[in-house]
């Protein structure tokens, strides 16, 4: 069994097998529209490696292209997605084989790094066999909404289809590395997602977004998955708006990620958010000269949000 890089021409051909393989590996629902959106429409590069045995796809590994903003420069990066191996083929080392094969292919395309959010089952393999470095174990910040007293305010307007102009460079991230989030990315990531629905509250300045906060309802929680703001006062306004919305929709908790050692993290603490579960591994695999990007090995140099962990949120 040898790995191969999937071409765009073969994606449609093997799509029913990907759906079947997913069903053999995971318990959650999936559909073809999600696979097309997540793997095929995420960028011009299709980053998928597969292993076929006896005419069947038995193992699958993929990444999704990112534009990473680092030190005011944009580099080609990607986020690793789900790996799938048929239970009959487990224990044969197919996951690291496929990952290494895909990473070598990505090097030829000029990719500089792959970001991973491994779980407790895959973290050891990613570290020992793929050379991933754990940047941080990110806790969820959680607010008990039921105990939070809010004023009865009018909610900010929404732009769920991301029709406004979103300029990544305007949003305050204190010079930290982050995924480039412009109108096209945000529209694809949230509005066009066929599996989840999001609500996007905005500060609208004559057709240009001065601030936004993207939320997703999940059971008794409101997940604040993405936020952009020009200053900390706007951040306060956006988060407070999300809390009021959580109150109005009878949620018990609101959750968010926030980088440590920032005014934004201190703001959330002052609003009574505190560390809680789940805690998420956040790792990196360098595909080029690591010394050129060594600052990315430190969490203090990142602005990561819940929505960046796209396999979950």
C-alpha atoms as a PDB file:
ATOM      1  CA  UNK A   1       0.000   0.000   0.000  1.00  0.00           C
ATOM      2  CA  UNK A   2       1.441   3.298  -1.114  1.00  0.00           C
ATOM      3  CA  UNK A   3       0.173   6.834  -0.471  1.00  0.00           C
ATOM      4  CA  UNK A   4      -0.845   9.106  -3.294  1.00  0.00           C
ATOM      5  CA  UNK A   5      -1.874  12.728  -3.647  1.00  0.00           C
ATOM      6  CA  UNK A   6      -5.503  13.160  -4.617  1.00  0.00           C
ATOM      7  CA  UNK A   7      -6.148  15.276  -7.691  1.00  0.00           C
ATOM      8  CA  UNK A   8      -9.137  17.521  -8.200  1.00  0.00           C
ATOM      9  CA  UNK A   9     -10.248  15.277 -11.040  1.00  0.00           C
ATOM     10  CA  UNK A  10     -10.370  12.256  -8.705  1.00  0.00           C
ATOM     11  CA  UNK A  11     -12.035  14.051  -5.775  1.00  0.00           C
ATOM     12  CA  UNK A  12     -15.563  13.591  -7.120  1.00  0.00           C
ATOM     13  CA  UNK A  13     -14.803   9.994  -8.083  1.00  0.00           C
ATOM     14  CA  UNK A  14     -13.801   9.011  -4.571  1.00  0.00           C
ATOM     15  CA  UNK A  15     -16.240  11.272  -2.689  1.00  0.00           C
ATOM     16  CA  UNK A  16     -18.743   8.468  -1.864  1.00  0.00           C
ATOM     17  CA  UNK A  17     -15.863   6.420  -0.419  1.00  0.00           C
ATOM     18  CA  UNK A  18     -14.770   9.336   1.766  1.00  0.00           C
ATOM     19  CA  UNK A  19     -18.281   9.546   3.194  1.00  0.00           C
ATOM     20  CA  UNK A  20     -18.290   5.807   3.848  1.00  0.00           C
ATOM     21  CA  UNK A  21     -14.842   5.922   5.465  1.00  0.00           C
ATOM     22  CA  UNK A  22     -15.924   8.807   7.693  1.00  0.00           C
ATOM     23  CA  UNK A  23     -18.885   6.736   8.876  1.00  0.00           C
ATOM     24  CA  UNK A  24     -16.524   3.890   9.771  1.00  0.00           C
ATOM     25  CA  UNK A  25     -14.280   6.198  11.801  1.00  0.00           C
ATOM     26  CA  UNK A  26     -16.587   8.718  13.496  1.00  0.00           C
ATOM     27  CA  UNK A  27     -20.045   8.731  15.009  1.00  0.00           C
ATOM     28  CA  UNK A  28     -21.176  12.213  14.016  1.00  0.00           C
ATOM     29  CA  UNK A  29     -23.241  13.060  10.920  1.00  0.00           C
ATOM     30  CA  UNK A  30     -21.561  14.041   7.658  1.00  0.00           C
ATOM     31  CA  UNK A  31     -22.684  14.767   4.112  1.00  0.00           C
ATOM     32  CA  UNK A  32     -21.241  15.386   0.664  1.00  0.00           C
ATOM     33  CA  UNK A  33     -21.838  19.126   0.821  1.00  0.00           C
ATOM     34  CA  UNK A  34     -19.601  19.355   3.891  1.00  0.00           C
ATOM     35  CA  UNK A  35     -16.801  17.401   2.241  1.00  0.00           C
ATOM     36  CA  UNK A  36     -16.945  19.575  -0.865  1.00  0.00           C
ATOM     37  CA  UNK A  37     -16.937  22.761   1.221  1.00  0.00           C
ATOM     38  CA  UNK A  38     -14.271  21.689   3.710  1.00  0.00           C
ATOM     39  CA  UNK A  39     -11.788  19.953   1.408  1.00  0.00           C
ATOM     40  CA  UNK A  40     -12.493  21.100  -2.155  1.00  0.00           C
ATOM     41  CA  UNK A  41     -13.584  24.734  -1.837  1.00  0.00           C
ATOM     42  CA  UNK A  42     -11.158  25.819   0.883  1.00  0.00           C
ATOM     43  CA  UNK A  43      -8.481  27.059  -1.533  1.00  0.00           C
ATOM     44  CA  UNK A  44      -6.877  26.560  -4.906  1.00  0.00           C
ATOM     45  CA  UNK A  45      -4.616  23.767  -3.588  1.00  0.00           C
ATOM     46  CA  UNK A  46      -6.216  20.403  -2.834  1.00  0.00           C
ATOM     47  CA  UNK A  47      -4.167  19.006   0.055  1.00  0.00           C
ATOM     48  CA  UNK A  48      -5.270  15.381   0.457  1.00  0.00           C
ATOM     49  CA  UNK A  49      -3.273  12.152   0.584  1.00  0.00           C
ATOM     50  CA  UNK A  50      -4.949   8.743   0.442  1.00  0.00           C
ATOM     51  CA  UNK A  51      -4.162   5.036   0.474  1.00  0.00           C
ATOM     52  CA  UNK A  52      -6.172   2.660  -1.691  1.00  0.00           C
ATOM     53  CA  UNK A  53      -6.241  -1.082  -1.093  1.00  0.00           C
ATOM     54  CA  UNK A  54      -8.270  -3.513  -3.185  1.00  0.00           C
ATOM     55  CA  UNK A  55      -9.976  -0.615  -4.937  1.00  0.00           C
ATOM     56  CA  UNK A  56     -11.109   1.031  -1.680  1.00  0.00           C
ATOM     57  CA  UNK A  57      -9.885   4.173   0.087  1.00  0.00           C
ATOM     58  CA  UNK A  58      -8.722   2.810   3.452  1.00  0.00           C
ATOM     59  CA  UNK A  59      -6.861   5.828   4.843  1.00  0.00           C
ATOM     60  CA  UNK A  60      -7.192   9.574   4.306  1.00  0.00           C
ATOM     61  CA  UNK A  61      -5.299  12.638   5.543  1.00  0.00           C
ATOM     62  CA  UNK A  62      -5.860  16.258   4.576  1.00  0.00           C
ATOM     63  CA  UNK A  63      -4.998  19.860   5.314  1.00  0.00           C
ATOM     64  CA  UNK A  64      -6.795  23.101   4.521  1.00  0.00           C
ATOM     65  CA  UNK A  65      -4.831  26.045   3.053  1.00  0.00           C
ATOM     66  CA  UNK A  66      -4.419  29.140   5.208  1.00  0.00           C
ATOM     67  CA  UNK A  67      -2.860  32.504   4.655  1.00  0.00           C
ATOM     68  CA  UNK A  68      -0.919  33.147   7.839  1.00  0.00           C
ATOM     69  CA  UNK A  69      -0.085  36.725   8.790  1.00  0.00           C
ATOM     70  CA  UNK A  70       3.222  36.795  10.666  1.00  0.00           C
ATOM     71  CA  UNK A  71       5.273  39.936  11.312  1.00  0.00           C
ATOM     72  CA  UNK A  72       3.147  41.824   8.765  1.00  0.00           C
ATOM     73  CA  UNK A  73       4.007  39.276   6.082  1.00  0.00           C
ATOM     74  CA  UNK A  74       1.711  36.643   4.613  1.00  0.00           C
ATOM     75  CA  UNK A  75       2.970  33.071   4.226  1.00  0.00           C
ATOM     76  CA  UNK A  76       1.448  29.897   2.796  1.00  0.00           C
ATOM     77  CA  UNK A  77       0.335  27.705   5.669  1.00  0.00           C
ATOM     78  CA  UNK A  78      -2.342  25.123   6.332  1.00  0.00           C
ATOM     79  CA  UNK A  79      -4.341  23.618   9.152  1.00  0.00           C
ATOM     80  CA  UNK A  80      -4.462  19.835   9.479  1.00  0.00           C
ATOM     81  CA  UNK A  81      -7.907  18.275   9.213  1.00  0.00           C
ATOM     82  CA  UNK A  82      -9.309  14.933  10.308  1.00  0.00           C
ATOM     83  CA  UNK A  83      -7.359  11.780   9.601  1.00  0.00           C
ATOM     84  CA  UNK A  84      -9.393   8.685   8.772  1.00  0.00           C
ATOM     85  CA  UNK A  85      -8.207   5.068   8.714  1.00  0.00           C
ATOM     86  CA  UNK A  86     -10.571   2.141   8.355  1.00  0.00           C
ATOM     87  CA  UNK A  87     -10.650   0.106  11.603  1.00  0.00           C
ATOM     88  CA  UNK A  88      -9.464  -2.989   9.714  1.00  0.00           C
ATOM     89  CA  UNK A  89      -6.245  -1.120   8.860  1.00  0.00           C
ATOM     90  CA  UNK A  90      -5.510   0.474  12.238  1.00  0.00           C
ATOM     91  CA  UNK A  91      -2.133  -0.083  13.846  1.00  0.00           C
ATOM     92  CA  UNK A  92      -0.235  -0.111  10.541  1.00  0.00           C
ATOM     93  CA  UNK A  93       1.199   3.398  10.781  1.00  0.00           C
ATOM     94  CA  UNK A  94      -0.862   4.749   7.888  1.00  0.00           C
ATOM     95  CA  UNK A  95      -1.583   8.126   9.533  1.00  0.00           C
ATOM     96  CA  UNK A  96       2.070   9.233   9.859  1.00  0.00           C
ATOM     97  CA  UNK A  97       2.870   7.744   6.442  1.00  0.00           C
ATOM     98  CA  UNK A  98       0.140   9.812   4.796  1.00  0.00           C
ATOM     99  CA  UNK A  99       1.013  12.951   6.754  1.00  0.00           C
ATOM    100  CA  UNK A 100       4.702  12.830   5.843  1.00  0.00           C
ATOM    101  CA  UNK A 101       3.818  12.193   2.209  1.00  0.00           C
ATOM    102  CA  UNK A 102       1.412  15.145   2.141  1.00  0.00           C
ATOM    103  CA  UNK A 103       3.896  17.439   3.910  1.00  0.00           C
ATOM    104  CA  UNK A 104       6.579  16.635   1.343  1.00  0.00           C
ATOM    105  CA  UNK A 105       4.125  17.499  -1.414  1.00  0.00           C
ATOM    106  CA  UNK A 106       3.220  20.754   0.348  1.00  0.00           C
ATOM    107  CA  UNK A 107       6.899  21.718   0.473  1.00  0.00           C
ATOM    108  CA  UNK A 108       6.989  21.635  -3.319  1.00  0.00           C
ATOM    109  CA  UNK A 109       4.073  24.095  -3.333  1.00  0.00           C
ATOM    110  CA  UNK A 110       5.854  26.538  -1.024  1.00  0.00           C
ATOM    111  CA  UNK A 111       4.016  25.890   2.244  1.00  0.00           C
ATOM    112  CA  UNK A 112       5.946  26.991   5.327  1.00  0.00           C
ATOM    113  CA  UNK A 113       4.100  25.252   8.172  1.00  0.00           C
ATOM    114  CA  UNK A 114       1.135  23.101   9.139  1.00  0.00           C
ATOM    115  CA  UNK A 115      -0.909  23.914  12.242  1.00  0.00           C
ATOM    116  CA  UNK A 116      -2.450  21.017  14.143  1.00  0.00           C
ATOM    117  CA  UNK A 117      -5.109  20.732  16.838  1.00  0.00           C
ATOM    118  CA  UNK A 118      -4.481  17.083  17.810  1.00  0.00           C
ATOM    119  CA  UNK A 119      -6.568  15.269  20.382  1.00  0.00           C
ATOM    120  CA  UNK A 120      -5.234  13.063  23.166  1.00  0.00           C
ATOM    121  CA  UNK A 121      -5.167  10.084  20.802  1.00  0.00           C
ATOM    122  CA  UNK A 122      -3.184  11.682  17.975  1.00  0.00           C
ATOM    123  CA  UNK A 123      -0.924  14.081  19.901  1.00  0.00           C
ATOM    124  CA  UNK A 124       1.735  11.461  20.686  1.00  0.00           C
ATOM    125  CA  UNK A 125       1.938  10.333  17.062  1.00  0.00           C
ATOM    126  CA  UNK A 126       2.075  13.918  15.796  1.00  0.00           C
ATOM    127  CA  UNK A 127       4.890  14.726  18.209  1.00  0.00           C
ATOM    128  CA  UNK A 128       7.028  11.610  17.885  1.00  0.00           C
ATOM    129  CA  UNK A 129       6.497  10.682  14.244  1.00  0.00           C
ATOM    130  CA  UNK A 130       5.702  13.978  12.503  1.00  0.00           C
ATOM    131  CA  UNK A 131       8.003  16.275  14.470  1.00  0.00           C
ATOM    132  CA  UNK A 132       5.162  18.472  15.683  1.00  0.00           C
ATOM    133  CA  UNK A 133       5.947  20.909  18.467  1.00  0.00           C
ATOM    134  CA  UNK A 134       3.256  21.612  21.025  1.00  0.00           C
ATOM    135  CA  UNK A 135       2.889  25.376  21.218  1.00  0.00           C
ATOM    136  CA  UNK A 136       0.293  25.417  24.002  1.00  0.00           C
ATOM    137  CA  UNK A 137      -2.578  23.602  25.631  1.00  0.00           C
ATOM    138  CA  UNK A 138      -5.358  26.117  25.098  1.00  0.00           C
ATOM    139  CA  UNK A 139      -8.087  26.216  27.757  1.00  0.00           C
ATOM    140  CA  UNK A 140     -11.610  27.354  27.016  1.00  0.00           C
ATOM    141  CA  UNK A 141     -12.586  30.541  28.775  1.00  0.00           C
ATOM    142  CA  UNK A 142     -16.109  30.110  30.085  1.00  0.00           C
ATOM    143  CA  UNK A 143     -18.662  32.501  31.519  1.00  0.00           C
ATOM    144  CA  UNK A 144     -21.657  31.455  33.599  1.00  0.00           C
ATOM    145  CA  UNK A 145     -24.276  33.466  31.746  1.00  0.00           C
ATOM    146  CA  UNK A 146     -27.047  32.678  34.227  1.00  0.00           C
ATOM    147  CA  UNK A 147     -25.107  34.471  36.979  1.00  0.00           C
ATOM    148  CA  UNK A 148     -24.246  37.455  34.784  1.00  0.00           C
ATOM    149  CA  UNK A 149     -26.392  40.578  35.159  1.00  0.00           C
ATOM    150  CA  UNK A 150     -26.933  42.488  31.906  1.00  0.00           C
ATOM    151  CA  UNK A 151     -28.788  45.606  30.887  1.00  0.00           C
ATOM    152  CA  UNK A 152     -31.644  45.322  28.425  1.00  0.00           C
ATOM    153  CA  UNK A 153     -29.865  46.768  25.376  1.00  0.00           C
ATOM    154  CA  UNK A 154     -30.568  46.642  21.662  1.00  0.00           C
ATOM    155  CA  UNK A 155     -28.333  44.089  19.984  1.00  0.00           C
ATOM    156  CA  UNK A 156     -25.880  45.113  17.294  1.00  0.00           C
ATOM    157  CA  UNK A 157     -26.957  44.547  13.684  1.00  0.00           C
ATOM    158  CA  UNK A 158     -25.965  41.288  12.037  1.00  0.00           C
ATOM    159  CA  UNK A 159     -24.134  40.481   8.818  1.00  0.00           C
ATOM    160  CA  UNK A 160     -24.429  36.704   8.663  1.00  0.00           C
ATOM    161  CA  UNK A 161     -23.569  36.579   4.960  1.00  0.00           C
ATOM    162  CA  UNK A 162     -20.472  38.795   5.441  1.00  0.00           C
ATOM    163  CA  UNK A 163     -21.533  41.295   2.794  1.00  0.00           C
ATOM    164  CA  UNK A 164     -19.654  44.151   4.485  1.00  0.00           C
ATOM    165  CA  UNK A 165     -15.988  44.865   3.798  1.00  0.00           C
ATOM    166  CA  UNK A 166     -13.728  43.067   6.291  1.00  0.00           C
ATOM    167  CA  UNK A 167     -10.096  44.201   6.139  1.00  0.00           C
ATOM    168  CA  UNK A 168      -7.861  41.922   8.156  1.00  0.00           C
ATOM    169  CA  UNK A 169      -5.082  44.484   8.607  1.00  0.00           C
ATOM    170  CA  UNK A 170      -7.398  46.874  10.476  1.00  0.00           C
ATOM    171  CA  UNK A 171      -8.195  44.534  13.332  1.00  0.00           C
ATOM    172  CA  UNK A 172      -6.128  44.717  16.524  1.00  0.00           C
ATOM    173  CA  UNK A 173      -4.113  41.555  17.148  1.00  0.00           C
ATOM    174  CA  UNK A 174      -1.080  43.202  18.740  1.00  0.00           C
ATOM    175  CA  UNK A 175       1.300  42.012  16.050  1.00  0.00           C
ATOM    176  CA  UNK A 176       0.608  38.337  16.743  1.00  0.00           C
ATOM    177  CA  UNK A 177       0.483  35.601  14.123  1.00  0.00           C
ATOM    178  CA  UNK A 178      -3.034  34.832  12.950  1.00  0.00           C
ATOM    179  CA  UNK A 179      -5.077  33.498  10.080  1.00  0.00           C
ATOM    180  CA  UNK A 180      -5.774  36.196   7.494  1.00  0.00           C
ATOM    181  CA  UNK A 181      -9.488  36.922   7.838  1.00  0.00           C
ATOM    182  CA  UNK A 182     -10.901  39.073   5.095  1.00  0.00           C
ATOM    183  CA  UNK A 183     -14.402  39.123   3.612  1.00  0.00           C
ATOM    184  CA  UNK A 184     -13.787  36.092   1.401  1.00  0.00           C
ATOM    185  CA  UNK A 185     -12.357  33.910   4.136  1.00  0.00           C
ATOM    186  CA  UNK A 186     -15.024  34.806   6.689  1.00  0.00           C
ATOM    187  CA  UNK A 187     -17.818  34.286   4.173  1.00  0.00           C
ATOM    188  CA  UNK A 188     -16.477  30.850   3.231  1.00  0.00           C
ATOM    189  CA  UNK A 189     -15.642  29.790   6.772  1.00  0.00           C
ATOM    190  CA  UNK A 190     -18.942  30.700   8.415  1.00  0.00           C
ATOM    191  CA  UNK A 191     -21.735  31.619   6.003  1.00  0.00           C
ATOM    192  CA  UNK A 192     -21.025  28.901   3.453  1.00  0.00           C
ATOM    193  CA  UNK A 193     -20.487  26.182   6.075  1.00  0.00           C
ATOM    194  CA  UNK A 194     -23.152  23.559   5.272  1.00  0.00           C
ATOM    195  CA  UNK A 195     -23.071  21.893   8.709  1.00  0.00           C
ATOM    196  CA  UNK A 196     -23.238  24.778  11.179  1.00  0.00           C
ATOM    197  CA  UNK A 197     -25.089  28.071  11.430  1.00  0.00           C
ATOM    198  CA  UNK A 198     -23.443  31.213  12.800  1.00  0.00           C
ATOM    199  CA  UNK A 199     -24.632  34.659  13.790  1.00  0.00           C
ATOM    200  CA  UNK A 200     -22.292  37.573  13.120  1.00  0.00           C
ATOM    201  CA  UNK A 201     -22.820  40.819  15.056  1.00  0.00           C
ATOM    202  CA  UNK A 202     -21.067  43.814  13.528  1.00  0.00           C
ATOM    203  CA  UNK A 203     -20.078  47.407  14.071  1.00  0.00           C
ATOM    204  CA  UNK A 204     -20.981  48.807  10.651  1.00  0.00           C
ATOM    205  CA  UNK A 205     -19.137  51.907   9.477  1.00  0.00           C
ATOM    206  CA  UNK A 206     -20.706  52.842   6.125  1.00  0.00           C
ATOM    207  CA  UNK A 207     -20.337  49.379   4.660  1.00  0.00           C
ATOM    208  CA  UNK A 208     -17.032  48.579   6.337  1.00  0.00           C
ATOM    209  CA  UNK A 209     -16.828  46.361   9.421  1.00  0.00           C
ATOM    210  CA  UNK A 210     -15.081  48.174  12.277  1.00  0.00           C
ATOM    211  CA  UNK A 211     -15.715  45.126  14.455  1.00  0.00           C
ATOM    212  CA  UNK A 212     -17.408  41.754  14.379  1.00  0.00           C
ATOM    213  CA  UNK A 213     -18.127  38.804  16.654  1.00  0.00           C
ATOM    214  CA  UNK A 214     -19.180  35.417  15.260  1.00  0.00           C
ATOM    215  CA  UNK A 215     -21.178  33.101  17.540  1.00  0.00           C
ATOM    216  CA  UNK A 216     -22.541  29.577  17.321  1.00  0.00           C
ATOM    217  CA  UNK A 217     -25.240  28.109  19.517  1.00  0.00           C
ATOM    218  CA  UNK A 218     -24.536  24.631  20.818  1.00  0.00           C
ATOM    219  CA  UNK A 219     -26.839  23.012  23.370  1.00  0.00           C
ATOM    220  CA  UNK A 220     -26.671  25.198  26.513  1.00  0.00           C
ATOM    221  CA  UNK A 221     -23.630  27.162  25.295  1.00  0.00           C
ATOM    222  CA  UNK A 222     -22.914  30.118  23.084  1.00  0.00           C
ATOM    223  CA  UNK A 223     -19.514  29.571  21.473  1.00  0.00           C
ATOM    224  CA  UNK A 224     -17.861  32.867  20.550  1.00  0.00           C
ATOM    225  CA  UNK A 225     -15.780  31.524  17.687  1.00  0.00           C
ATOM    226  CA  UNK A 226     -14.298  34.620  16.044  1.00  0.00           C
ATOM    227  CA  UNK A 227     -13.820  38.290  16.809  1.00  0.00           C
ATOM    228  CA  UNK A 228     -12.201  41.315  15.227  1.00  0.00           C
ATOM    229  CA  UNK A 229     -11.974  44.810  16.700  1.00  0.00           C
ATOM    230  CA  UNK A 230     -10.096  48.064  16.249  1.00  0.00           C
ATOM    231  CA  UNK A 231      -9.614  48.744  19.961  1.00  0.00           C
ATOM    232  CA  UNK A 232     -10.355  47.223  23.341  1.00  0.00           C
ATOM    233  CA  UNK A 233     -13.452  49.407  23.866  1.00  0.00           C
ATOM    234  CA  UNK A 234     -15.013  47.864  20.779  1.00  0.00           C
ATOM    235  CA  UNK A 235     -14.000  44.406  22.029  1.00  0.00           C
ATOM    236  CA  UNK A 236     -15.876  45.113  25.263  1.00  0.00           C
ATOM    237  CA  UNK A 237     -18.951  46.170  23.284  1.00  0.00           C
ATOM    238  CA  UNK A 238     -18.847  43.079  21.052  1.00  0.00           C
ATOM    239  CA  UNK A 239     -18.385  40.576  23.877  1.00  0.00           C
ATOM    240  CA  UNK A 240     -21.086  42.250  25.970  1.00  0.00           C
ATOM    241  CA  UNK A 241     -23.421  42.035  22.972  1.00  0.00           C
ATOM    242  CA  UNK A 242     -22.702  38.299  22.701  1.00  0.00           C
ATOM    243  CA  UNK A 243     -23.447  37.825  26.399  1.00  0.00           C
ATOM    244  CA  UNK A 244     -26.766  39.665  26.059  1.00  0.00           C
ATOM    245  CA  UNK A 245     -27.627  37.442  23.105  1.00  0.00           C
ATOM    246  CA  UNK A 246     -26.745  34.375  25.173  1.00  0.00           C
ATOM    247  CA  UNK A 247     -29.113  35.634  27.866  1.00  0.00           C
ATOM    248  CA  UNK A 248     -31.903  36.239  25.385  1.00  0.00           C
ATOM    249  CA  UNK A 249     -31.520  32.723  23.960  1.00  0.00           C
ATOM    250  CA  UNK A 250     -31.425  31.159  27.458  1.00  0.00           C
ATOM    251  CA  UNK A 251     -27.877  29.815  27.278  1.00  0.00           C
ATOM    252  CA  UNK A 252     -26.141  28.786  30.501  1.00  0.00           C
ATOM    253  CA  UNK A 253     -22.586  29.437  29.359  1.00  0.00           C
ATOM    254  CA  UNK A 254     -20.541  31.436  26.868  1.00  0.00           C
ATOM    255  CA  UNK A 255     -17.139  30.150  25.723  1.00  0.00           C
ATOM    256  CA  UNK A 256     -14.207  31.741  23.918  1.00  0.00           C
ATOM    257  CA  UNK A 257     -10.451  31.475  23.344  1.00  0.00           C
ATOM    258  CA  UNK A 258      -8.188  34.454  24.010  1.00  0.00           C
ATOM    259  CA  UNK A 259      -4.402  34.823  23.836  1.00  0.00           C
ATOM    260  CA  UNK A 260      -2.675  35.254  27.173  1.00  0.00           C
ATOM    261  CA  UNK A 261      -0.771  38.409  28.098  1.00  0.00           C
ATOM    262  CA  UNK A 262      -3.107  40.657  26.125  1.00  0.00           C
ATOM    263  CA  UNK A 263      -5.558  43.376  27.022  1.00  0.00           C
ATOM    264  CA  UNK A 264      -8.232  41.232  25.427  1.00  0.00           C
ATOM    265  CA  UNK A 265      -7.594  38.358  27.846  1.00  0.00           C
ATOM    266  CA  UNK A 266      -7.653  40.771  30.791  1.00  0.00           C
ATOM    267  CA  UNK A 267     -10.931  42.205  29.517  1.00  0.00           C
ATOM    268  CA  UNK A 268     -12.515  38.751  29.510  1.00  0.00           C
ATOM    269  CA  UNK A 269     -11.251  38.068  33.020  1.00  0.00           C
ATOM    270  CA  UNK A 270     -12.827  41.328  34.185  1.00  0.00           C
ATOM    271  CA  UNK A 271     -16.089  40.133  32.639  1.00  0.00           C
ATOM    272  CA  UNK A 272     -15.832  36.963  34.785  1.00  0.00           C
ATOM    273  CA  UNK A 273     -14.693  34.519  32.119  1.00  0.00           C
ATOM    274  CA  UNK A 274     -12.430  31.871  33.622  1.00  0.00           C
ATOM    275  CA  UNK A 275     -10.410  28.874  32.430  1.00  0.00           C
ATOM    276  CA  UNK A 276     -12.331  25.647  31.986  1.00  0.00           C
ATOM    277  CA  UNK A 277     -12.507  22.518  29.870  1.00  0.00           C
ATOM    278  CA  UNK A 278     -12.070  21.457  27.128  1.00  0.00           C
ATOM    279  CA  UNK A 279      -8.324  22.027  26.815  1.00  0.00           C
ATOM    280  CA  UNK A 280      -7.007  21.803  23.262  1.00  0.00           C
ATOM    281  CA  UNK A 281      -3.537  20.871  22.015  1.00  0.00           C
ATOM    282  CA  UNK A 282      -2.133  23.459  19.606  1.00  0.00           C
ATOM    283  CA  UNK A 283       0.909  22.338  17.598  1.00  0.00           C
ATOM    284  CA  UNK A 284       3.053  23.195  14.599  1.00  0.00           C
ATOM    285  CA  UNK A 285       5.049  21.278  11.993  1.00  0.00           C
ATOM    286  CA  UNK A 286       7.643  23.379  10.172  1.00  0.00           C
ATOM    287  CA  UNK A 287       7.939  22.562   6.488  1.00  0.00           C
ATOM    288  CA  UNK A 288      10.829  24.938   5.775  1.00  0.00           C
ATOM    289  CA  UNK A 289      13.684  26.477   7.749  1.00  0.00           C
ATOM    290  CA  UNK A 290      12.436  26.488  11.334  1.00  0.00           C
ATOM    291  CA  UNK A 291      14.874  29.244  12.367  1.00  0.00           C
ATOM    292  CA  UNK A 292      13.050  31.637  10.044  1.00  0.00           C
ATOM    293  CA  UNK A 293       9.805  31.040  11.945  1.00  0.00           C
ATOM    294  CA  UNK A 294      11.042  30.104  15.422  1.00  0.00           C
ATOM    295  CA  UNK A 295       8.850  32.752  17.053  1.00  0.00           C
ATOM    296  CA  UNK A 296       5.839  30.664  16.008  1.00  0.00           C
ATOM    297  CA  UNK A 297       6.880  28.000  18.526  1.00  0.00           C
ATOM    298  CA  UNK A 298       5.711  30.315  21.345  1.00  0.00           C
ATOM    299  CA  UNK A 299       2.055  30.877  22.142  1.00  0.00           C
ATOM    300  CA  UNK A 300       2.669  34.494  23.162  1.00  0.00           C
ATOM    301  CA  UNK A 301       3.230  35.219  19.478  1.00  0.00           C
ATOM    302  CA  UNK A 302      -0.192  33.905  18.369  1.00  0.00           C
ATOM    303  CA  UNK A 303      -3.768  35.178  18.256  1.00  0.00           C
ATOM    304  CA  UNK A 304      -5.735  31.938  17.930  1.00  0.00           C
ATOM    305  CA  UNK A 305      -9.526  31.723  18.117  1.00  0.00           C
ATOM    306  CA  UNK A 306     -12.055  28.933  18.505  1.00  0.00           C
ATOM    307  CA  UNK A 307     -13.038  29.098  14.856  1.00  0.00           C
ATOM    308  CA  UNK A 308      -9.447  28.381  13.805  1.00  0.00           C
ATOM    309  CA  UNK A 309      -9.928  24.871  15.143  1.00  0.00           C
ATOM    310  CA  UNK A 310     -12.098  24.220  12.129  1.00  0.00           C
ATOM    311  CA  UNK A 311     -12.525  20.475  12.632  1.00  0.00           C
ATOM    312  CA  UNK A 312     -14.658  21.228  15.712  1.00  0.00           C
ATOM    313  CA  UNK A 313     -16.138  24.696  15.503  1.00  0.00           C
END
